[in-house]
Amino acid sequence: FLRDAYAAGKIIGAICHAPIPLAAADLVRGKKCAGWLACEPSIKIMGGEYSWDWSAVIDGRLVTGRVPMDVPEFVDAMTEALLRQ
């Protein structure tokens, strides 16, 4: 369903551990992604770029956030991504 949503032009948001399914769906290749530390191997294996220093990242139609404490930054990033469309 993630690949279908992405192919349909939808913005996809993922925070904390949620970038792991994005990586499994092969949606992170060439993208910058934030997320919990456990996401790093999956993102890197699938060709994405990860940094713990990013609280929220917009890369194309993917919006990722680090942890629940970063929800304000994540919401700002989602709002910006939606307004760009």
PDB file of N, CA and C in Angstrom:
ATOM      1  N   PHE A   1       0.824  -1.198   0.000  1.00  0.00           N
ATOM      2  CA  PHE A   1       0.000   0.000   0.000  1.00  0.00           C
ATOM      3  C   PHE A   1       0.871   1.265   0.000  1.00  0.00           C
ATOM      4  N   LEU A   2       2.076   1.207   0.587  1.00  0.00           N
ATOM      5  CA  LEU A   2       2.956   2.379   0.571  1.00  0.00           C
ATOM      6  C   LEU A   2       3.421   2.696  -0.846  1.00  0.00           C
ATOM      7  N   ARG A   3       3.806   1.675  -1.588  1.00  0.00           N
ATOM      8  CA  ARG A   3       4.218   1.902  -2.981  1.00  0.00           C
ATOM      9  C   ARG A   3       3.074   2.449  -3.811  1.00  0.00           C
ATOM     10  N   ASP A   4       1.870   1.931  -3.590  1.00  0.00           N
ATOM     11  CA  ASP A   4       0.704   2.420  -4.331  1.00  0.00           C
ATOM     12  C   ASP A   4       0.419   3.883  -4.009  1.00  0.00           C
ATOM     13  N   ALA A   5       0.494   4.231  -2.727  1.00  0.00           N
ATOM     14  CA  ALA A   5       0.254   5.624  -2.324  1.00  0.00           C
ATOM     15  C   ALA A   5       1.309   6.549  -2.925  1.00  0.00           C
ATOM     16  N   TYR A   6       2.570   6.117  -2.895  1.00  0.00           N
ATOM     17  CA  TYR A   6       3.642   6.933  -3.449  1.00  0.00           C
ATOM     18  C   TYR A   6       3.483   7.084  -4.966  1.00  0.00           C
ATOM     19  N   ALA A   7       3.154   5.986  -5.644  1.00  0.00           N
ATOM     20  CA  ALA A   7       2.951   6.022  -7.098  1.00  0.00           C
ATOM     21  C   ALA A   7       1.777   6.918  -7.471  1.00  0.00           C
ATOM     22  N   ALA A   8       0.805   7.041  -6.565  1.00  0.00           N
ATOM     23  CA  ALA A   8      -0.363   7.897  -6.806  1.00  0.00           C
ATOM     24  C   ALA A   8      -0.081   9.362  -6.513  1.00  0.00           C
ATOM     25  N   GLY A   9       1.154   9.673  -6.103  1.00  0.00           N
ATOM     26  CA  GLY A   9       1.523  11.070  -5.867  1.00  0.00           C
ATOM     27  C   GLY A   9       1.214  11.583  -4.476  1.00  0.00           C
ATOM     28  N   LYS A  10       0.907  10.688  -3.566  1.00  0.00           N
ATOM     29  CA  LYS A  10       0.578  11.086  -2.191  1.00  0.00           C
ATOM     30  C   LYS A  10       1.831  11.429  -1.394  1.00  0.00           C
ATOM     31  N   ILE A  11       1.683  12.301  -0.421  1.00  0.00           N
ATOM     32  CA  ILE A  11       2.745  12.579   0.540  1.00  0.00           C
ATOM     33  C   ILE A  11       2.647  11.515   1.626  1.00  0.00           C
ATOM     34  N   ILE A  12       3.787  10.952   1.978  1.00  0.00           N
ATOM     35  CA  ILE A  12       3.817   9.910   2.994  1.00  0.00           C
ATOM     36  C   ILE A  12       4.622  10.416   4.182  1.00  0.00           C
ATOM     37  N   GLY A  13       4.017  10.370   5.362  1.00  0.00           N
ATOM     38  CA  GLY A  13       4.680  10.780   6.594  1.00  0.00           C
ATOM     39  C   GLY A  13       5.006   9.570   7.451  1.00  0.00           C
ATOM     40  N   ALA A  14       6.191   9.606   8.065  1.00  0.00           N
ATOM     41  CA  ALA A  14       6.620   8.492   8.914  1.00  0.00           C
ATOM     42  C   ALA A  14       7.484   9.051  10.036  1.00  0.00           C
ATOM     43  N   ILE A  15       7.183   8.654  11.270  1.00  0.00           N
ATOM     44  CA  ILE A  15       7.952   9.134  12.418  1.00  0.00           C
ATOM     45  C   ILE A  15       8.357   7.949  13.295  1.00  0.00           C
ATOM     46  N   CYS A  16       9.447   8.107  13.999  1.00  0.00           N
ATOM     47  CA  CYS A  16       9.991   7.119  14.921  1.00  0.00           C
ATOM     48  C   CYS A  16      10.439   5.870  14.166  1.00  0.00           C
ATOM     49  N   HIS A  17       9.787   4.714  14.336  1.00  0.00           N
ATOM     50  CA  HIS A  17      10.182   3.481  13.658  1.00  0.00           C
ATOM     51  C   HIS A  17       9.542   3.344  12.269  1.00  0.00           C
ATOM     52  N   ALA A  18       8.637   4.224  11.919  1.00  0.00           N
ATOM     53  CA  ALA A  18       7.882   4.096  10.669  1.00  0.00           C
ATOM     54  C   ALA A  18       8.724   4.175   9.394  1.00  0.00           C
ATOM     55  N   PRO A  19       9.921   4.762   9.377  1.00  0.00           N
ATOM     56  CA  PRO A  19      10.718   4.687   8.152  1.00  0.00           C
ATOM     57  C   PRO A  19      11.163   3.264   7.785  1.00  0.00           C
ATOM     58  N   ILE A  20      11.096   2.317   8.714  1.00  0.00           N
ATOM     59  CA  ILE A  20      11.485   0.937   8.392  1.00  0.00           C
ATOM     60  C   ILE A  20      10.563   0.355   7.308  1.00  0.00           C
ATOM     61  N   PRO A  21       9.232   0.471   7.417  1.00  0.00           N
ATOM     62  CA  PRO A  21       8.388  -0.001   6.308  1.00  0.00           C
ATOM     63  C   PRO A  21       8.625   0.768   5.009  1.00  0.00           C
ATOM     64  N   LEU A  22       8.968   2.056   5.105  1.00  0.00           N
ATOM     65  CA  LEU A  22       9.301   2.804   3.888  1.00  0.00           C
ATOM     66  C   LEU A  22      10.514   2.194   3.201  1.00  0.00           C
ATOM     67  N   ALA A  23      11.504   1.814   3.999  1.00  0.00           N
ATOM     68  CA  ALA A  23      12.696   1.169   3.445  1.00  0.00           C
ATOM     69  C   ALA A  23      12.328  -0.182   2.846  1.00  0.00           C
ATOM     70  N   ALA A  24      11.500  -0.951   3.541  1.00  0.00           N
ATOM     71  CA  ALA A  24      11.089  -2.266   3.044  1.00  0.00           C
ATOM     72  C   ALA A  24      10.319  -2.146   1.733  1.00  0.00           C
ATOM     73  N   ALA A  25       9.615  -1.043   1.541  1.00  0.00           N
ATOM     74  CA  ALA A  25       8.864  -0.802   0.306  1.00  0.00           C
ATOM     75  C   ALA A  25       9.745  -0.194  -0.787  1.00  0.00           C
ATOM     76  N   ASP A  26      11.040  -0.052  -0.502  1.00  0.00           N
ATOM     77  CA  ASP A  26      12.006   0.513  -1.447  1.00  0.00           C
ATOM     78  C   ASP A  26      11.655   1.949  -1.850  1.00  0.00           C
ATOM     79  N   LEU A  27      11.249   2.744  -0.869  1.00  0.00           N
ATOM     80  CA  LEU A  27      10.903   4.139  -1.130  1.00  0.00           C
ATOM     81  C   LEU A  27      11.961   5.118  -0.639  1.00  0.00           C
ATOM     82  N   VAL A  28      13.033   4.638  -0.011  1.00  0.00           N
ATOM     83  CA  VAL A  28      14.018   5.561   0.574  1.00  0.00           C
ATOM     84  C   VAL A  28      15.284   5.711  -0.267  1.00  0.00           C
ATOM     85  N   ARG A  29      15.402   4.953  -1.342  1.00  0.00           N
ATOM     86  CA  ARG A  29      16.614   5.009  -2.176  1.00  0.00           C
ATOM     87  C   ARG A  29      16.861   6.450  -2.652  1.00  0.00           C
ATOM     88  N   GLY A  30      18.032   6.979  -2.302  1.00  0.00           N
ATOM     89  CA  GLY A  30      18.390   8.338  -2.699  1.00  0.00           C
ATOM     90  C   GLY A  30      17.715   9.431  -1.886  1.00  0.00           C
ATOM     91  N   LYS A  31      17.035   9.069  -0.813  1.00  0.00           N
ATOM     92  CA  LYS A  31      16.304  10.044   0.012  1.00  0.00           C
ATOM     93  C   LYS A  31      16.971  10.221   1.370  1.00  0.00           C
ATOM     94  N   LYS A  32      16.800  11.411   1.932  1.00  0.00           N
ATOM     95  CA  LYS A  32      17.211  11.673   3.311  1.00  0.00           C
ATOM     96  C   LYS A  32      16.034  11.315   4.207  1.00  0.00           C
ATOM     97  N   CYS A  33      16.323  10.609   5.308  1.00  0.00           N
ATOM     98  CA  CYS A  33      15.272  10.166   6.217  1.00  0.00           C
ATOM     99  C   CYS A  33      15.697  10.361   7.665  1.00  0.00           C
ATOM    100  N   ALA A  34      14.762  10.839   8.465  1.00  0.00           N
ATOM    101  CA  ALA A  34      14.938  10.887   9.915  1.00  0.00           C
ATOM    102  C   ALA A  34      14.189   9.697  10.502  1.00  0.00           C
ATOM    103  N   GLY A  35      14.495   9.346  11.729  1.00  0.00           N
ATOM    104  CA  GLY A  35      13.801   8.250  12.394  1.00  0.00           C
ATOM    105  C   GLY A  35      14.570   7.824  13.630  1.00  0.00           C
ATOM    106  N   TRP A  36      13.983   6.888  14.356  1.00  0.00           N
ATOM    107  CA  TRP A  36      14.626   6.339  15.542  1.00  0.00           C
ATOM    108  C   TRP A  36      15.900   5.622  15.121  1.00  0.00           C
ATOM    109  N   LEU A  37      16.839   5.459  16.039  1.00  0.00           N
ATOM    110  CA  LEU A  37      18.133   4.840  15.750  1.00  0.00           C
ATOM    111  C   LEU A  37      18.016   3.472  15.079  1.00  0.00           C
ATOM    112  N   ALA A  38      17.000   2.719  15.427  1.00  0.00           N
ATOM    113  CA  ALA A  38      16.816   1.385  14.845  1.00  0.00           C
ATOM    114  C   ALA A  38      16.521   1.432  13.347  1.00  0.00           C
ATOM    115  N   CYS A  39      16.154   2.590  12.824  1.00  0.00           N
ATOM    116  CA  CYS A  39      15.852   2.738  11.397  1.00  0.00           C
ATOM    117  C   CYS A  39      17.108   2.843  10.545  1.00  0.00           C
ATOM    118  N   GLU A  40      18.194   3.264  11.146  1.00  0.00           N
ATOM    119  CA  GLU A  40      19.405   3.542  10.378  1.00  0.00           C
ATOM    120  C   GLU A  40      19.843   2.383   9.476  1.00  0.00           C
ATOM    121  N   PRO A  41      19.974   1.150   9.984  1.00  0.00           N
ATOM    122  CA  PRO A  41      20.427   0.070   9.096  1.00  0.00           C
ATOM    123  C   PRO A  41      19.487  -0.153   7.901  1.00  0.00           C
ATOM    124  N   SER A  42      18.193  -0.161   8.136  1.00  0.00           N
ATOM    125  CA  SER A  42      17.235  -0.394   7.049  1.00  0.00           C
ATOM    126  C   SER A  42      17.319   0.694   5.994  1.00  0.00           C
ATOM    127  N   ILE A  43      17.399   1.934   6.448  1.00  0.00           N
ATOM    128  CA  ILE A  43      17.476   3.057   5.510  1.00  0.00           C
ATOM    129  C   ILE A  43      18.759   2.982   4.690  1.00  0.00           C
ATOM    130  N   LYS A  44      19.872   2.745   5.353  1.00  0.00           N
ATOM    131  CA  LYS A  44      21.156   2.698   4.637  1.00  0.00           C
ATOM    132  C   LYS A  44      21.242   1.497   3.699  1.00  0.00           C
ATOM    133  N   ILE A  45      20.771   0.331   4.135  1.00  0.00           N
ATOM    134  CA  ILE A  45      20.793  -0.859   3.275  1.00  0.00           C
ATOM    135  C   ILE A  45      19.991  -0.623   1.998  1.00  0.00           C
ATOM    136  N   MET A  46      18.894   0.103   2.125  1.00  0.00           N
ATOM    137  CA  MET A  46      18.029   0.346   0.971  1.00  0.00           C
ATOM    138  C   MET A  46      18.416   1.609   0.198  1.00  0.00           C
ATOM    139  N   GLY A  47      19.592   2.169   0.498  1.00  0.00           N
ATOM    140  CA  GLY A  47      20.123   3.262  -0.319  1.00  0.00           C
ATOM    141  C   GLY A  47      19.720   4.659   0.094  1.00  0.00           C
ATOM    142  N   GLY A  48      19.182   4.800   1.294  1.00  0.00           N
ATOM    143  CA  GLY A  48      18.812   6.122   1.790  1.00  0.00           C
ATOM    144  C   GLY A  48      19.909   6.714   2.660  1.00  0.00           C
ATOM    145  N   GLU A  49      19.719   7.954   3.031  1.00  0.00           N
ATOM    146  CA  GLU A  49      20.662   8.661   3.902  1.00  0.00           C
ATOM    147  C   GLU A  49      19.974   8.931   5.234  1.00  0.00           C
ATOM    148  N   TYR A  50      20.654   8.649   6.334  1.00  0.00           N
ATOM    149  CA  TYR A  50      20.090   8.789   7.673  1.00  0.00           C
ATOM    150  C   TYR A  50      21.030   9.612   8.540  1.00  0.00           C
ATOM    151  N   SER A  51      20.444  10.445   9.394  1.00  0.00           N
ATOM    152  CA  SER A  51      21.223  11.141  10.425  1.00  0.00           C
ATOM    153  C   SER A  51      20.342  11.332  11.655  1.00  0.00           C
ATOM    154  N   TRP A  52      20.889  11.023  12.805  1.00  0.00           N
ATOM    155  CA  TRP A  52      20.181  11.247  14.066  1.00  0.00           C
ATOM    156  C   TRP A  52      20.000  12.738  14.321  1.00  0.00           C
ATOM    157  N   ASP A  53      20.792  13.572  13.695  1.00  0.00           N
ATOM    158  CA  ASP A  53      20.734  15.016  13.920  1.00  0.00           C
ATOM    159  C   ASP A  53      19.489  15.675  13.321  1.00  0.00           C
ATOM    160  N   TRP A  54      18.803  15.001  12.427  1.00  0.00           N
ATOM    161  CA  TRP A  54      17.629  15.587  11.778  1.00  0.00           C
ATOM    162  C   TRP A  54      16.375  15.265  12.585  1.00  0.00           C
ATOM    163  N   SER A  55      15.663  16.294  13.045  1.00  0.00           N
ATOM    164  CA  SER A  55      14.419  16.037  13.777  1.00  0.00           C
ATOM    165  C   SER A  55      13.264  15.754  12.822  1.00  0.00           C
ATOM    166  N   ALA A  56      13.283  16.379  11.659  1.00  0.00           N
ATOM    167  CA  ALA A  56      12.275  16.129  10.625  1.00  0.00           C
ATOM    168  C   ALA A  56      12.891  16.462   9.276  1.00  0.00           C
ATOM    169  N   VAL A  57      12.527  15.688   8.270  1.00  0.00           N
ATOM    170  CA  VAL A  57      13.102  15.856   6.943  1.00  0.00           C
ATOM    171  C   VAL A  57      12.000  15.772   5.893  1.00  0.00           C
ATOM    172  N   ILE A  58      12.045  16.688   4.946  1.00  0.00           N
ATOM    173  CA  ILE A  58      11.195  16.597   3.762  1.00  0.00           C
ATOM    174  C   ILE A  58      12.122  16.258   2.604  1.00  0.00           C
ATOM    175  N   ASP A  59      11.857  15.161   1.930  1.00  0.00           N
ATOM    176  CA  ASP A  59      12.620  14.817   0.731  1.00  0.00           C
ATOM    177  C   ASP A  59      11.619  14.347  -0.314  1.00  0.00           C
ATOM    178  N   GLY A  60      11.300  15.236  -1.212  1.00  0.00           N
ATOM    179  CA  GLY A  60      10.263  14.937  -2.195  1.00  0.00           C
ATOM    180  C   GLY A  60       8.923  14.806  -1.500  1.00  0.00           C
ATOM    181  N   ARG A  61       8.278  13.656  -1.689  1.00  0.00           N
ATOM    182  CA  ARG A  61       6.979  13.416  -1.062  1.00  0.00           C
ATOM    183  C   ARG A  61       7.073  12.561   0.190  1.00  0.00           C
ATOM    184  N   LEU A  62       8.293  12.345   0.688  1.00  0.00           N
ATOM    185  CA  LEU A  62       8.480  11.643   1.960  1.00  0.00           C
ATOM    186  C   LEU A  62       8.791  12.653   3.052  1.00  0.00           C
ATOM    187  N   VAL A  63       8.071  12.565   4.142  1.00  0.00           N
ATOM    188  CA  VAL A  63       8.314  13.396   5.317  1.00  0.00           C
ATOM    189  C   VAL A  63       8.576  12.442   6.472  1.00  0.00           C
ATOM    190  N   THR A  64       9.758  12.554   7.065  1.00  0.00           N
ATOM    191  CA  THR A  64      10.111  11.646   8.156  1.00  0.00           C
ATOM    192  C   THR A  64      10.493  12.441   9.395  1.00  0.00           C
ATOM    193  N   GLY A  65      10.223  11.848  10.546  1.00  0.00           N
ATOM    194  CA  GLY A  65      10.549  12.481  11.817  1.00  0.00           C
ATOM    195  C   GLY A  65      11.281  11.516  12.723  1.00  0.00           C
ATOM    196  N   ARG A  66      12.042  12.083  13.651  1.00  0.00           N
ATOM    197  CA  ARG A  66      12.924  11.285  14.501  1.00  0.00           C
ATOM    198  C   ARG A  66      12.184  10.543  15.602  1.00  0.00           C
ATOM    199  N   VAL A  67      11.562  11.245  16.537  1.00  0.00           N
ATOM    200  CA  VAL A  67      10.922  10.630  17.707  1.00  0.00           C
ATOM    201  C   VAL A  67       9.668  11.414  18.081  1.00  0.00           C
ATOM    202  N   PRO A  68       8.778  10.833  18.898  1.00  0.00           N
ATOM    203  CA  PRO A  68       7.569  11.549  19.283  1.00  0.00           C
ATOM    204  C   PRO A  68       7.816  12.938  19.899  1.00  0.00           C
ATOM    205  N   MET A  69       8.937  13.113  20.599  1.00  0.00           N
ATOM    206  CA  MET A  69       9.220  14.456  21.146  1.00  0.00           C
ATOM    207  C   MET A  69       9.385  15.505  20.044  1.00  0.00           C
ATOM    208  N   ASP A  70       9.678  15.065  18.820  1.00  0.00           N
ATOM    209  CA  ASP A  70       9.875  15.973  17.694  1.00  0.00           C
ATOM    210  C   ASP A  70       8.601  16.188  16.891  1.00  0.00           C
ATOM    211  N   VAL A  71       7.454  15.828  17.436  1.00  0.00           N
ATOM    212  CA  VAL A  71       6.196  15.989  16.712  1.00  0.00           C
ATOM    213  C   VAL A  71       5.984  17.430  16.237  1.00  0.00           C
ATOM    214  N   PRO A  72       6.296  18.472  17.015  1.00  0.00           N
ATOM    215  CA  PRO A  72       6.099  19.828  16.484  1.00  0.00           C
ATOM    216  C   PRO A  72       6.870  20.071  15.177  1.00  0.00           C
ATOM    217  N   GLU A  73       8.113  19.633  15.109  1.00  0.00           N
ATOM    218  CA  GLU A  73       8.906  19.798  13.892  1.00  0.00           C
ATOM    219  C   GLU A  73       8.339  18.932  12.764  1.00  0.00           C
ATOM    220  N   PHE A  74       7.891  17.721  13.110  1.00  0.00           N
ATOM    221  CA  PHE A  74       7.307  16.826  12.120  1.00  0.00           C
ATOM    222  C   PHE A  74       6.022  17.425  11.536  1.00  0.00           C
ATOM    223  N   VAL A  75       5.176  17.969  12.381  1.00  0.00           N
ATOM    224  CA  VAL A  75       3.935  18.593  11.913  1.00  0.00           C
ATOM    225  C   VAL A  75       4.254  19.789  11.013  1.00  0.00           C
ATOM    226  N   ASP A  76       5.238  20.591  11.399  1.00  0.00           N
ATOM    227  CA  ASP A  76       5.649  21.713  10.543  1.00  0.00           C
ATOM    228  C   ASP A  76       6.117  21.221   9.181  1.00  0.00           C
ATOM    229  N   ALA A  77       6.899  20.130   9.169  1.00  0.00           N
ATOM    230  CA  ALA A  77       7.399  19.574   7.912  1.00  0.00           C
ATOM    231  C   ALA A  77       6.240  19.030   7.066  1.00  0.00           C
ATOM    232  N   MET A  78       5.291  18.330   7.687  1.00  0.00           N
ATOM    233  CA  MET A  78       4.134  17.826   6.952  1.00  0.00           C
ATOM    234  C   MET A  78       3.323  18.975   6.360  1.00  0.00           C
ATOM    235  N   THR A  79       3.127  20.025   7.157  1.00  0.00           N
ATOM    236  CA  THR A  79       2.390  21.188   6.668  1.00  0.00           C
ATOM    237  C   THR A  79       3.094  21.812   5.474  1.00  0.00           C
ATOM    238  N   GLU A  80       4.407  21.980   5.580  1.00  0.00           N
ATOM    239  CA  GLU A  80       5.172  22.554   4.465  1.00  0.00           C
ATOM    240  C   GLU A  80       5.057  21.672   3.216  1.00  0.00           C
ATOM    241  N   ALA A  81       5.192  20.365   3.385  1.00  0.00           N
ATOM    242  CA  ALA A  81       5.103  19.451   2.247  1.00  0.00           C
ATOM    243  C   ALA A  81       3.716  19.520   1.589  1.00  0.00           C
ATOM    244  N   LEU A  82       2.683  19.589   2.396  1.00  0.00           N
ATOM    245  CA  LEU A  82       1.324  19.676   1.844  1.00  0.00           C
ATOM    246  C   LEU A  82       1.090  20.998   1.130  1.00  0.00           C
ATOM    247  N   LEU A  83       1.646  22.078   1.658  1.00  0.00           N
ATOM    248  CA  LEU A  83       1.480  23.376   1.024  1.00  0.00           C
ATOM    249  C   LEU A  83       2.256  23.490  -0.284  1.00  0.00           C
ATOM    250  N   ARG A  84       3.313  22.714  -0.422  1.00  0.00           N
ATOM    251  CA  ARG A  84       4.101  22.711  -1.667  1.00  0.00           C
ATOM    252  C   ARG A  84       3.348  22.059  -2.816  1.00  0.00           C
ATOM    253  N   GLN A  85       2.420  21.165  -2.497  1.00  0.00           N
ATOM    254  CA  GLN A  85       1.724  20.417  -3.536  1.00  0.00           C
ATOM    255  C   GLN A  85       0.705  21.235  -4.260  1.00  0.00           C
TER     256      GLN A  85
END
